[in-house]
PDB file of N, CA and C in Angstrom:
ATOM      1  N   MET A   1      -0.064 -50.468 -60.368  1.00  0.00           N
ATOM      2  CA  MET A   1       0.059 -49.061 -60.086  1.00  0.00           C
ATOM      3  C   MET A   1      -0.921 -48.106 -60.595  1.00  0.00           C
ATOM      4  N   GLY A   2      -1.053 -46.846 -60.063  1.00  0.00           N
ATOM      5  CA  GLY A   2      -2.180 -46.075 -60.240  1.00  0.00           C
ATOM      6  C   GLY A   2      -1.749 -44.816 -61.077  1.00  0.00           C
ATOM      7  N   ALA A   3      -2.840 -44.204 -61.544  1.00  0.00           N
ATOM      8  CA  ALA A   3      -2.710 -43.034 -62.377  1.00  0.00           C
ATOM      9  C   ALA A   3      -3.738 -41.966 -62.028  1.00  0.00           C
ATOM     10  N   TRP A   4      -3.445 -40.755 -62.391  1.00  0.00           N
ATOM     11  CA  TRP A   4      -4.374 -39.713 -61.795  1.00  0.00           C
ATOM     12  C   TRP A   4      -5.396 -39.840 -62.624  1.00  0.00           C
ATOM     13  N   SER A   5      -6.683 -39.869 -62.074  1.00  0.00           N
ATOM     14  CA  SER A   5      -7.926 -39.662 -62.955  1.00  0.00           C
ATOM     15  C   SER A   5      -8.061 -37.966 -63.199  1.00  0.00           C
ATOM     16  N   ASP A   6      -7.646 -37.171 -62.560  1.00  0.00           N
ATOM     17  CA  ASP A   6      -7.767 -35.592 -62.428  1.00  0.00           C
ATOM     18  C   ASP A   6      -6.440 -35.189 -61.952  1.00  0.00           C
ATOM     19  N   PRO A   7      -5.578 -34.877 -62.533  1.00  0.00           N
ATOM     20  CA  PRO A   7      -4.249 -34.450 -62.244  1.00  0.00           C
ATOM     21  C   PRO A   7      -4.380 -33.243 -61.389  1.00  0.00           C
ATOM     22  N   PRO A   8      -3.637 -33.012 -60.161  1.00  0.00           N
ATOM     23  CA  PRO A   8      -3.475 -31.730 -59.663  1.00  0.00           C
ATOM     24  C   PRO A   8      -2.989 -30.741 -60.391  1.00  0.00           C
ATOM     25  N   ALA A   9      -3.335 -29.417 -60.032  1.00  0.00           N
ATOM     26  CA  ALA A   9      -2.702 -28.282 -60.663  1.00  0.00           C
ATOM     27  C   ALA A   9      -1.269 -28.132 -60.739  1.00  0.00           C
ATOM     28  N   HIS A  10      -0.825 -27.749 -61.821  1.00  0.00           N
ATOM     29  CA  HIS A  10       0.600 -27.756 -61.850  1.00  0.00           C
ATOM     30  C   HIS A  10       1.066 -26.573 -61.210  1.00  0.00           C
ATOM     31  N   TRP A  11       2.099 -26.769 -60.138  1.00  0.00           N
ATOM     32  CA  TRP A  11       2.366 -25.698 -59.238  1.00  0.00           C
ATOM     33  C   TRP A  11       3.816 -24.844 -59.425  1.00  0.00           C
ATOM     34  N   SER A  12       4.776 -25.514 -60.196  1.00  0.00           N
ATOM     35  CA  SER A  12       6.199 -25.066 -60.160  1.00  0.00           C
ATOM     36  C   SER A  12       6.285 -23.819 -60.911  1.00  0.00           C
ATOM     37  N   ASP A  13       5.607 -23.543 -61.886  1.00  0.00           N
ATOM     38  CA  ASP A  13       5.706 -22.379 -62.732  1.00  0.00           C
ATOM     39  C   ASP A  13       5.525 -21.030 -61.698  1.00  0.00           C
ATOM     40  N   GLU A  14       4.612 -21.019 -60.645  1.00  0.00           N
ATOM     41  CA  GLU A  14       4.257 -20.077 -59.924  1.00  0.00           C
ATOM     42  C   GLU A  14       5.025 -19.994 -58.738  1.00  0.00           C
ATOM     43  N   VAL A  15       5.730 -20.913 -58.199  1.00  0.00           N
ATOM     44  CA  VAL A  15       6.407 -20.951 -56.893  1.00  0.00           C
ATOM     45  C   VAL A  15       7.360 -19.768 -56.583  1.00  0.00           C
ATOM     46  N   VAL A  16       8.008 -19.459 -57.509  1.00  0.00           N
ATOM     47  CA  VAL A  16       8.993 -18.366 -57.375  1.00  0.00           C
ATOM     48  C   VAL A  16       8.209 -16.958 -57.228  1.00  0.00           C
ATOM     49  N   ASP A  17       7.174 -16.808 -57.957  1.00  0.00           N
ATOM     50  CA  ASP A  17       6.677 -15.292 -57.834  1.00  0.00           C
ATOM     51  C   ASP A  17       5.802 -15.507 -56.545  1.00  0.00           C
ATOM     52  N   ARG A  18       5.163 -16.687 -56.049  1.00  0.00           N
ATOM     53  CA  ARG A  18       4.503 -16.856 -54.797  1.00  0.00           C
ATOM     54  C   ARG A  18       5.342 -16.554 -53.758  1.00  0.00           C
ATOM     55  N   LEU A  19       6.738 -16.952 -53.829  1.00  0.00           N
ATOM     56  CA  LEU A  19       7.373 -16.991 -52.574  1.00  0.00           C
ATOM     57  C   LEU A  19       8.054 -15.508 -52.542  1.00  0.00           C
ATOM     58  N   SER A  20       8.160 -14.905 -53.593  1.00  0.00           N
ATOM     59  CA  SER A  20       8.746 -13.366 -53.572  1.00  0.00           C
ATOM     60  C   SER A  20       7.925 -12.354 -53.467  1.00  0.00           C
ATOM     61  N   SER A  21       6.469 -12.746 -53.426  1.00  0.00           N
ATOM     62  CA  SER A  21       5.271 -11.598 -53.491  1.00  0.00           C
ATOM     63  C   SER A  21       5.520 -10.948 -52.424  1.00  0.00           C
ATOM     64  N   GLY A  22       5.066  -9.451 -52.431  1.00  0.00           N
ATOM     65  CA  GLY A  22       5.324  -8.615 -51.410  1.00  0.00           C
ATOM     66  C   GLY A  22       4.534  -8.976 -50.286  1.00  0.00           C
ATOM     67  N   PRO A  23       3.061  -9.078 -50.464  1.00  0.00           N
ATOM     68  CA  PRO A  23       2.290  -9.432 -49.272  1.00  0.00           C
ATOM     69  C   PRO A  23       2.691 -10.886 -48.617  1.00  0.00           C
ATOM     70  N   LEU A  24       3.102 -11.754 -49.234  1.00  0.00           N
ATOM     71  CA  LEU A  24       3.523 -13.082 -48.756  1.00  0.00           C
ATOM     72  C   LEU A  24       4.806 -12.779 -47.905  1.00  0.00           C
ATOM     73  N   VAL A  25       5.764 -12.255 -48.319  1.00  0.00           N
ATOM     74  CA  VAL A  25       6.842 -11.690 -47.523  1.00  0.00           C
ATOM     75  C   VAL A  25       6.473 -10.870 -46.248  1.00  0.00           C
ATOM     76  N   ALA A  26       5.712 -10.086 -46.677  1.00  0.00           N
ATOM     77  CA  ALA A  26       5.346  -9.227 -45.416  1.00  0.00           C
ATOM     78  C   ALA A  26       4.577  -9.976 -44.381  1.00  0.00           C
ATOM     79  N   GLN A  27       3.867 -10.925 -44.860  1.00  0.00           N
ATOM     80  CA  GLN A  27       3.009 -11.778 -43.811  1.00  0.00           C
ATOM     81  C   GLN A  27       4.046 -12.727 -43.046  1.00  0.00           C
ATOM     82  N   VAL A  28       5.010 -13.399 -43.746  1.00  0.00           N
ATOM     83  CA  VAL A  28       5.992 -14.306 -43.038  1.00  0.00           C
ATOM     84  C   VAL A  28       6.795 -13.364 -42.122  1.00  0.00           C
ATOM     85  N   ARG A  29       7.471 -12.142 -42.397  1.00  0.00           N
ATOM     86  CA  ARG A  29       8.120 -11.615 -41.521  1.00  0.00           C
ATOM     87  C   ARG A  29       7.230 -11.073 -40.563  1.00  0.00           C
ATOM     88  N   ALA A  30       6.139 -10.668 -40.439  1.00  0.00           N
ATOM     89  CA  ALA A  30       5.315 -10.184 -39.436  1.00  0.00           C
ATOM     90  C   ALA A  30       5.224 -11.822 -38.505  1.00  0.00           C
ATOM     91  N   GLY A  31       4.777 -12.651 -39.020  1.00  0.00           N
ATOM     92  CA  GLY A  31       4.767 -14.001 -38.198  1.00  0.00           C
ATOM     93  C   GLY A  31       6.076 -14.225 -37.543  1.00  0.00           C
ATOM     94  N   ILE A  32       7.288 -13.983 -38.281  1.00  0.00           N
ATOM     95  CA  ILE A  32       8.340 -14.182 -37.394  1.00  0.00           C
ATOM     96  C   ILE A  32       8.663 -13.331 -36.352  1.00  0.00           C
ATOM     97  N   SER A  33       8.112 -12.320 -36.620  1.00  0.00           N
ATOM     98  CA  SER A  33       8.580 -11.326 -35.399  1.00  0.00           C
ATOM     99  C   SER A  33       7.544 -11.688 -34.228  1.00  0.00           C
ATOM    100  N   GLU A  34       6.580 -12.363 -34.333  1.00  0.00           N
ATOM    101  CA  GLU A  34       5.542 -12.691 -33.200  1.00  0.00           C
ATOM    102  C   GLU A  34       6.106 -13.869 -32.504  1.00  0.00           C
ATOM    103  N   LEU A  35       7.047 -14.654 -33.168  1.00  0.00           N
ATOM    104  CA  LEU A  35       7.464 -16.023 -32.507  1.00  0.00           C
ATOM    105  C   LEU A  35       7.966 -15.728 -31.368  1.00  0.00           C
ATOM    106  N   PRO A  36       7.995 -16.849 -30.202  1.00  0.00           N
ATOM    107  CA  PRO A  36       8.666 -16.894 -29.079  1.00  0.00           C
ATOM    108  C   PRO A  36      10.205 -16.683 -29.525  1.00  0.00           C
ATOM    109  N   GLU A  37      10.783 -16.056 -28.561  1.00  0.00           N
ATOM    110  CA  GLU A  37      12.453 -15.705 -28.863  1.00  0.00           C
ATOM    111  C   GLU A  37      13.421 -16.873 -29.338  1.00  0.00           C
ATOM    112  N   GLY A  38      13.139 -18.043 -28.843  1.00  0.00           N
ATOM    113  CA  GLY A  38      13.807 -19.161 -29.331  1.00  0.00           C
ATOM    114  C   GLY A  38      13.615 -19.767 -30.901  1.00  0.00           C
ATOM    115  N   GLN A  39      12.244 -19.777 -31.017  1.00  0.00           N
ATOM    116  CA  GLN A  39      11.911 -20.088 -32.402  1.00  0.00           C
ATOM    117  C   GLN A  39      12.050 -18.908 -33.389  1.00  0.00           C
ATOM    118  N   ARG A  40      11.956 -17.710 -32.826  1.00  0.00           N
ATOM    119  CA  ARG A  40      12.385 -16.642 -33.928  1.00  0.00           C
ATOM    120  C   ARG A  40      13.904 -16.704 -34.182  1.00  0.00           C
ATOM    121  N   ALA A  41      14.725 -16.895 -33.196  1.00  0.00           N
ATOM    122  CA  ALA A  41      16.333 -16.884 -33.408  1.00  0.00           C
ATOM    123  C   ALA A  41      16.685 -17.943 -34.379  1.00  0.00           C
ATOM    124  N   VAL A  42      16.031 -19.254 -34.038  1.00  0.00           N
ATOM    125  CA  VAL A  42      16.405 -20.446 -35.062  1.00  0.00           C
ATOM    126  C   VAL A  42      15.782 -20.115 -36.512  1.00  0.00           C
ATOM    127  N   VAL A  43      14.647 -19.611 -36.689  1.00  0.00           N
ATOM    128  CA  VAL A  43      14.024 -19.425 -38.050  1.00  0.00           C
ATOM    129  C   VAL A  43      14.643 -18.272 -38.654  1.00  0.00           C
ATOM    130  N   THR A  44      15.186 -17.224 -38.144  1.00  0.00           N
ATOM    131  CA  THR A  44      15.818 -16.168 -38.594  1.00  0.00           C
ATOM    132  C   THR A  44      17.061 -16.568 -39.044  1.00  0.00           C
ATOM    133  N   LEU A  45      17.865 -17.173 -38.112  1.00  0.00           N
ATOM    134  CA  LEU A  45      19.340 -17.644 -38.525  1.00  0.00           C
ATOM    135  C   LEU A  45      19.166 -18.710 -39.676  1.00  0.00           C
ATOM    136  N   ARG A  46      18.599 -19.781 -39.573  1.00  0.00           N
ATOM    137  CA  ARG A  46      18.275 -20.715 -40.628  1.00  0.00           C
ATOM    138  C   ARG A  46      17.854 -20.387 -41.808  1.00  0.00           C
ATOM    139  N   ASP A  47      16.413 -19.891 -41.750  1.00  0.00           N
ATOM    140  CA  ASP A  47      15.899 -19.542 -43.026  1.00  0.00           C
ATOM    141  C   ASP A  47      16.203 -18.171 -43.628  1.00  0.00           C
ATOM    142  N   LEU A  48      16.364 -17.137 -42.852  1.00  0.00           N
ATOM    143  CA  LEU A  48      16.653 -15.810 -43.390  1.00  0.00           C
ATOM    144  C   LEU A  48      18.177 -15.526 -43.626  1.00  0.00           C
ATOM    145  N   ASP A  49      18.933 -15.851 -42.680  1.00  0.00           N
ATOM    146  CA  ASP A  49      20.409 -15.651 -42.550  1.00  0.00           C
ATOM    147  C   ASP A  49      20.956 -16.713 -43.446  1.00  0.00           C
ATOM    148  N   GLY A  50      20.533 -17.954 -43.810  1.00  0.00           N
ATOM    149  CA  GLY A  50      20.849 -19.184 -44.549  1.00  0.00           C
ATOM    150  C   GLY A  50      21.949 -19.813 -43.858  1.00  0.00           C
ATOM    151  N   LEU A  51      21.839 -19.957 -42.444  1.00  0.00           N
ATOM    152  CA  LEU A  51      22.983 -20.631 -41.565  1.00  0.00           C
ATOM    153  C   LEU A  51      22.518 -21.947 -41.728  1.00  0.00           C
ATOM    154  N   SER A  52      23.460 -23.213 -41.552  1.00  0.00           N
ATOM    155  CA  SER A  52      23.169 -24.412 -41.653  1.00  0.00           C
ATOM    156  C   SER A  52      22.691 -24.824 -40.353  1.00  0.00           C
ATOM    157  N   SER A  53      21.990 -25.954 -40.225  1.00  0.00           N
ATOM    158  CA  SER A  53      21.356 -26.461 -39.006  1.00  0.00           C
ATOM    159  C   SER A  53      22.618 -26.380 -37.801  1.00  0.00           C
ATOM    160  N   LYS A  54      23.524 -26.985 -38.240  1.00  0.00           N
ATOM    161  CA  LYS A  54      24.760 -27.138 -37.146  1.00  0.00           C
ATOM    162  C   LYS A  54      25.171 -25.955 -36.720  1.00  0.00           C
ATOM    163  N   ASP A  55      25.473 -24.660 -37.977  1.00  0.00           N
ATOM    164  CA  ASP A  55      25.712 -23.530 -37.376  1.00  0.00           C
ATOM    165  C   ASP A  55      24.825 -22.943 -36.364  1.00  0.00           C
ATOM    166  N   VAL A  56      23.615 -23.037 -36.682  1.00  0.00           N
ATOM    167  CA  VAL A  56      22.578 -22.486 -35.804  1.00  0.00           C
ATOM    168  C   VAL A  56      22.760 -23.038 -34.524  1.00  0.00           C
ATOM    169  N   CYS A  57      22.909 -24.269 -34.337  1.00  0.00           N
ATOM    170  CA  CYS A  57      23.062 -24.932 -33.112  1.00  0.00           C
ATOM    171  C   CYS A  57      24.174 -24.511 -32.209  1.00  0.00           C
ATOM    172  N   ASP A  58      25.060 -24.260 -33.164  1.00  0.00           N
ATOM    173  CA  ASP A  58      26.767 -23.665 -32.587  1.00  0.00           C
ATOM    174  C   ASP A  58      26.203 -22.465 -31.877  1.00  0.00           C
ATOM    175  N   VAL A  59      25.718 -21.425 -32.811  1.00  0.00           N
ATOM    176  CA  VAL A  59      25.461 -20.153 -32.354  1.00  0.00           C
ATOM    177  C   VAL A  59      24.576 -19.873 -31.093  1.00  0.00           C
ATOM    178  N   LEU A  60      23.724 -20.763 -31.131  1.00  0.00           N
ATOM    179  CA  LEU A  60      22.630 -20.572 -30.070  1.00  0.00           C
ATOM    180  C   LEU A  60      22.894 -21.592 -28.795  1.00  0.00           C
ATOM    181  N   GLY A  61      23.753 -22.336 -29.031  1.00  0.00           N
ATOM    182  CA  GLY A  61      24.437 -23.283 -27.996  1.00  0.00           C
ATOM    183  C   GLY A  61      23.070 -24.203 -27.768  1.00  0.00           C
ATOM    184  N   ILE A  62      22.369 -24.719 -28.727  1.00  0.00           N
ATOM    185  CA  ILE A  62      21.199 -25.817 -28.356  1.00  0.00           C
ATOM    186  C   ILE A  62      21.555 -27.094 -29.155  1.00  0.00           C
ATOM    187  N   SER A  63      20.768 -28.033 -28.824  1.00  0.00           N
ATOM    188  CA  SER A  63      21.005 -29.364 -29.734  1.00  0.00           C
ATOM    189  C   SER A  63      20.223 -29.280 -30.890  1.00  0.00           C
ATOM    190  N   GLN A  64      20.555 -30.292 -31.729  1.00  0.00           N
ATOM    191  CA  GLN A  64      19.892 -30.450 -33.164  1.00  0.00           C
ATOM    192  C   GLN A  64      18.423 -30.841 -32.892  1.00  0.00           C
ATOM    193  N   ALA A  65      18.239 -31.292 -31.932  1.00  0.00           N
ATOM    194  CA  ALA A  65      16.613 -32.098 -31.554  1.00  0.00           C
ATOM    195  C   ALA A  65      15.852 -30.606 -31.291  1.00  0.00           C
ATOM    196  N   ASN A  66      16.548 -29.840 -30.422  1.00  0.00           N
ATOM    197  CA  ASN A  66      16.000 -28.353 -29.868  1.00  0.00           C
ATOM    198  C   ASN A  66      15.719 -27.571 -31.198  1.00  0.00           C
ATOM    199  N   GLN A  67      16.605 -27.406 -32.152  1.00  0.00           N
ATOM    200  CA  GLN A  67      16.670 -26.748 -33.229  1.00  0.00           C
ATOM    201  C   GLN A  67      15.451 -27.244 -34.131  1.00  0.00           C
ATOM    202  N   ARG A  68      15.281 -28.598 -34.266  1.00  0.00           N
ATOM    203  CA  ARG A  68      14.303 -28.976 -35.276  1.00  0.00           C
ATOM    204  C   ARG A  68      13.039 -28.907 -34.511  1.00  0.00           C
ATOM    205  N   TYR A  69      12.873 -28.978 -33.422  1.00  0.00           N
ATOM    206  CA  TYR A  69      11.638 -28.530 -32.493  1.00  0.00           C
ATOM    207  C   TYR A  69      11.261 -27.145 -32.787  1.00  0.00           C
ATOM    208  N   CYS A  70      12.224 -26.178 -32.635  1.00  0.00           N
ATOM    209  CA  CYS A  70      11.752 -24.920 -32.833  1.00  0.00           C
ATOM    210  C   CYS A  70      11.390 -24.702 -34.152  1.00  0.00           C
ATOM    211  N   CYS A  71      11.936 -25.133 -35.256  1.00  0.00           N
ATOM    212  CA  CYS A  71      11.595 -24.895 -36.622  1.00  0.00           C
ATOM    213  C   CYS A  71       9.988 -25.527 -36.752  1.00  0.00           C
ATOM    214  N   THR A  72       9.872 -26.839 -36.386  1.00  0.00           N
ATOM    215  CA  THR A  72       8.625 -27.297 -36.422  1.00  0.00           C
ATOM    216  C   THR A  72       7.444 -26.468 -35.579  1.00  0.00           C
ATOM    217  N   ALA A  73       7.770 -26.321 -34.326  1.00  0.00           N
ATOM    218  CA  ALA A  73       6.681 -25.391 -33.745  1.00  0.00           C
ATOM    219  C   ALA A  73       6.406 -24.204 -34.314  1.00  0.00           C
ATOM    220  N   ALA A  74       7.260 -23.771 -34.799  1.00  0.00           N
ATOM    221  CA  ALA A  74       7.235 -22.356 -35.668  1.00  0.00           C
ATOM    222  C   ALA A  74       6.164 -22.426 -36.861  1.00  0.00           C
ATOM    223  N   VAL A  75       6.458 -23.333 -37.625  1.00  0.00           N
ATOM    224  CA  VAL A  75       5.575 -23.430 -38.523  1.00  0.00           C
ATOM    225  C   VAL A  75       4.323 -23.990 -38.283  1.00  0.00           C
ATOM    226  N   ALA A  76       4.216 -24.796 -37.315  1.00  0.00           N
ATOM    227  CA  ALA A  76       3.196 -25.481 -36.861  1.00  0.00           C
ATOM    228  C   ALA A  76       2.185 -24.255 -36.398  1.00  0.00           C
ATOM    229  N   GLY A  77       2.550 -23.421 -35.690  1.00  0.00           N
ATOM    230  CA  GLY A  77       1.748 -22.503 -34.991  1.00  0.00           C
ATOM    231  C   GLY A  77       1.317 -21.248 -35.911  1.00  0.00           C
ATOM    232  N   TYR A  78       1.875 -21.106 -36.909  1.00  0.00           N
ATOM    233  CA  TYR A  78       1.818 -20.078 -37.972  1.00  0.00           C
ATOM    234  C   TYR A  78       0.938 -20.157 -39.145  1.00  0.00           C
ATOM    235  N   GLU A  79      -0.230 -19.532 -38.974  1.00  0.00           N
ATOM    236  CA  GLU A  79      -1.365 -19.960 -39.990  1.00  0.00           C
ATOM    237  C   GLU A  79      -0.948 -19.637 -41.254  1.00  0.00           C
ATOM    238  N   PRO A  80      -0.195 -18.516 -41.803  1.00  0.00           N
ATOM    239  CA  PRO A  80       0.037 -18.321 -43.255  1.00  0.00           C
ATOM    240  C   PRO A  80       0.869 -19.520 -43.838  1.00  0.00           C
ATOM    241  N   PHE A  81       1.301 -20.431 -43.030  1.00  0.00           N
ATOM    242  CA  PHE A  81       2.083 -21.430 -43.813  1.00  0.00           C
ATOM    243  C   PHE A  81       1.098 -22.530 -43.946  1.00  0.00           C
ATOM    244  N   SER A  82      -0.141 -22.356 -43.855  1.00  0.00           N
ATOM    245  CA  SER A  82      -1.094 -23.292 -44.229  1.00  0.00           C
ATOM    246  C   SER A  82      -1.372 -23.481 -45.777  1.00  0.00           C
ATOM    247  N   ASN A  83      -1.609 -24.755 -46.162  1.00  0.00           N
ATOM    248  CA  ASN A  83      -1.538 -24.859 -47.777  1.00  0.00           C
ATOM    249  C   ASN A  83      -2.328 -24.229 -48.484  1.00  0.00           C
ATOM    250  N   SER A  84      -3.620 -23.477 -47.804  1.00  0.00           N
ATOM    251  CA  SER A  84      -4.245 -22.876 -48.703  1.00  0.00           C
ATOM    252  C   SER A  84      -3.564 -21.258 -49.047  1.00  0.00           C
ATOM    253  N   ASN A  85      -2.556 -20.948 -48.253  1.00  0.00           N
ATOM    254  CA  ASN A  85      -2.248 -19.805 -48.540  1.00  0.00           C
ATOM    255  C   ASN A  85      -1.113 -19.857 -49.636  1.00  0.00           C
ATOM    256  N   TRP A  86      -0.616 -21.101 -50.085  1.00  0.00           N
ATOM    257  CA  TRP A  86       0.392 -21.126 -51.005  1.00  0.00           C
ATOM    258  C   TRP A  86      -0.233 -21.528 -52.457  1.00  0.00           C
ATOM    259  N   ARG A  87      -1.496 -21.367 -52.472  1.00  0.00           N
ATOM    260  CA  ARG A  87      -2.089 -21.906 -53.880  1.00  0.00           C
ATOM    261  C   ARG A  87      -2.837 -20.451 -54.251  1.00  0.00           C
ATOM    262  N   SER A  88      -2.945 -20.336 -55.458  1.00  0.00           N
ATOM    263  CA  SER A  88      -4.105 -19.227 -56.112  1.00  0.00           C
ATOM    264  C   SER A  88      -5.150 -19.578 -55.513  1.00  0.00           C
ATOM    265  N   ASP A  89      -6.018 -18.282 -55.472  1.00  0.00           N
ATOM    266  CA  ASP A  89      -7.597 -18.490 -55.046  1.00  0.00           C
ATOM    267  C   ASP A  89      -8.220 -19.573 -56.051  1.00  0.00           C
ATOM    268  N   GLU A  90      -7.972 -19.798 -57.277  1.00  0.00           N
ATOM    269  CA  GLU A  90      -8.669 -20.650 -58.012  1.00  0.00           C
ATOM    270  C   GLU A  90      -8.305 -22.073 -57.458  1.00  0.00           C
ATOM    271  N   ALA A  91      -7.057 -22.237 -57.405  1.00  0.00           N
ATOM    272  CA  ALA A  91      -6.608 -23.602 -57.132  1.00  0.00           C
ATOM    273  C   ALA A  91      -6.948 -23.980 -55.553  1.00  0.00           C
ATOM    274  N   ALA A  92      -7.140 -22.891 -54.818  1.00  0.00           N
ATOM    275  CA  ALA A  92      -7.424 -23.227 -53.424  1.00  0.00           C
ATOM    276  C   ALA A  92      -8.754 -23.829 -53.294  1.00  0.00           C
ATOM    277  N   HIS A  93      -9.620 -23.464 -54.271  1.00  0.00           N
ATOM    278  CA  HIS A  93     -11.166 -23.775 -54.002  1.00  0.00           C
ATOM    279  C   HIS A  93     -11.482 -25.141 -55.133  1.00  0.00           C
ATOM    280  N   ALA A  94     -10.383 -25.295 -55.994  1.00  0.00           N
ATOM    281  CA  ALA A  94     -10.813 -26.371 -57.001  1.00  0.00           C
ATOM    282  C   ALA A  94     -10.627 -27.881 -56.224  1.00  0.00           C
ATOM    283  N   PRO A  95     -11.441 -28.651 -57.025  1.00  0.00           N
ATOM    284  CA  PRO A  95     -11.314 -30.205 -56.306  1.00  0.00           C
ATOM    285  C   PRO A  95      -9.791 -30.797 -56.519  1.00  0.00           C
ATOM    286  N   GLN A  96      -9.364 -31.283 -55.619  1.00  0.00           N
ATOM    287  CA  GLN A  96      -7.893 -31.810 -55.784  1.00  0.00           C
ATOM    288  C   GLN A  96      -7.957 -33.103 -56.621  1.00  0.00           C
ATOM    289  N   GLY A  97      -6.674 -33.428 -57.276  1.00  0.00           N
ATOM    290  CA  GLY A  97      -6.903 -34.476 -57.985  1.00  0.00           C
ATOM    291  C   GLY A  97      -6.617 -35.799 -57.144  1.00  0.00           C
ATOM    292  N   ARG A  98      -6.958 -37.025 -57.601  1.00  0.00           N
ATOM    293  CA  ARG A  98      -6.822 -38.175 -56.705  1.00  0.00           C
ATOM    294  C   ARG A  98      -6.256 -39.299 -57.510  1.00  0.00           C
ATOM    295  N   ARG A  99      -5.806 -40.105 -57.030  1.00  0.00           N
ATOM    296  CA  ARG A  99      -4.937 -41.233 -57.596  1.00  0.00           C
ATOM    297  C   ARG A  99      -6.184 -42.340 -57.594  1.00  0.00           C
ATOM    298  N   VAL A 100      -6.300 -43.017 -58.867  1.00  0.00           N
ATOM    299  CA  VAL A 100      -7.381 -44.279 -58.717  1.00  0.00           C
ATOM    300  C   VAL A 100      -6.550 -45.524 -59.525  1.00  0.00           C
ATOM    301  N   PRO A 101      -6.676 -46.711 -58.986  1.00  0.00           N
ATOM    302  CA  PRO A 101      -6.008 -47.723 -59.439  1.00  0.00           C
ATOM    303  C   PRO A 101      -6.457 -48.094 -60.924  1.00  0.00           C
ATOM    304  N   THR A 102      -5.290 -48.456 -61.587  1.00  0.00           N
ATOM    305  CA  THR A 102      -5.576 -48.871 -63.023  1.00  0.00           C
ATOM    306  C   THR A 102      -5.300 -50.501 -63.150  1.00  0.00           C
ATOM    307  N   GLY A 103      -5.788 -51.001 -64.050  1.00  0.00           N
ATOM    308  CA  GLY A 103      -5.254 -52.417 -64.343  1.00  0.00           C
ATOM    309  C   GLY A 103      -3.866 -52.733 -64.493  1.00  0.00           C
ATOM    310  N   GLY A 104      -3.759 -53.828 -63.850  1.00  0.00           N
ATOM    311  CA  GLY A 104      -2.115 -54.265 -64.290  1.00  0.00           C
ATOM    312  C   GLY A 104      -1.200 -54.431 -63.013  1.00  0.00           C
TER     313      GLY A 104
END
């Protein structure tokens, strides 16, 4: 087994604050408004309105595969979802921990 030689920064204490911060919420809402219509509808129903994947498909008359594609494409094409935006400035520029093998 391996062990961390330099563990990554602990993030769970900050996650709720980061997700509910005004600037991040505004960035996400602005990004959602710029999505193509189908992607915007899926993301809004699923992630903002809280519908299940099945309910989203039923409401929009789309397949599960199409619903998954819309979510994936929306996130992949939207820069504020990149890793660097979810970490503090200090953590974003700090070297990341890595695992190194240990004996045994």
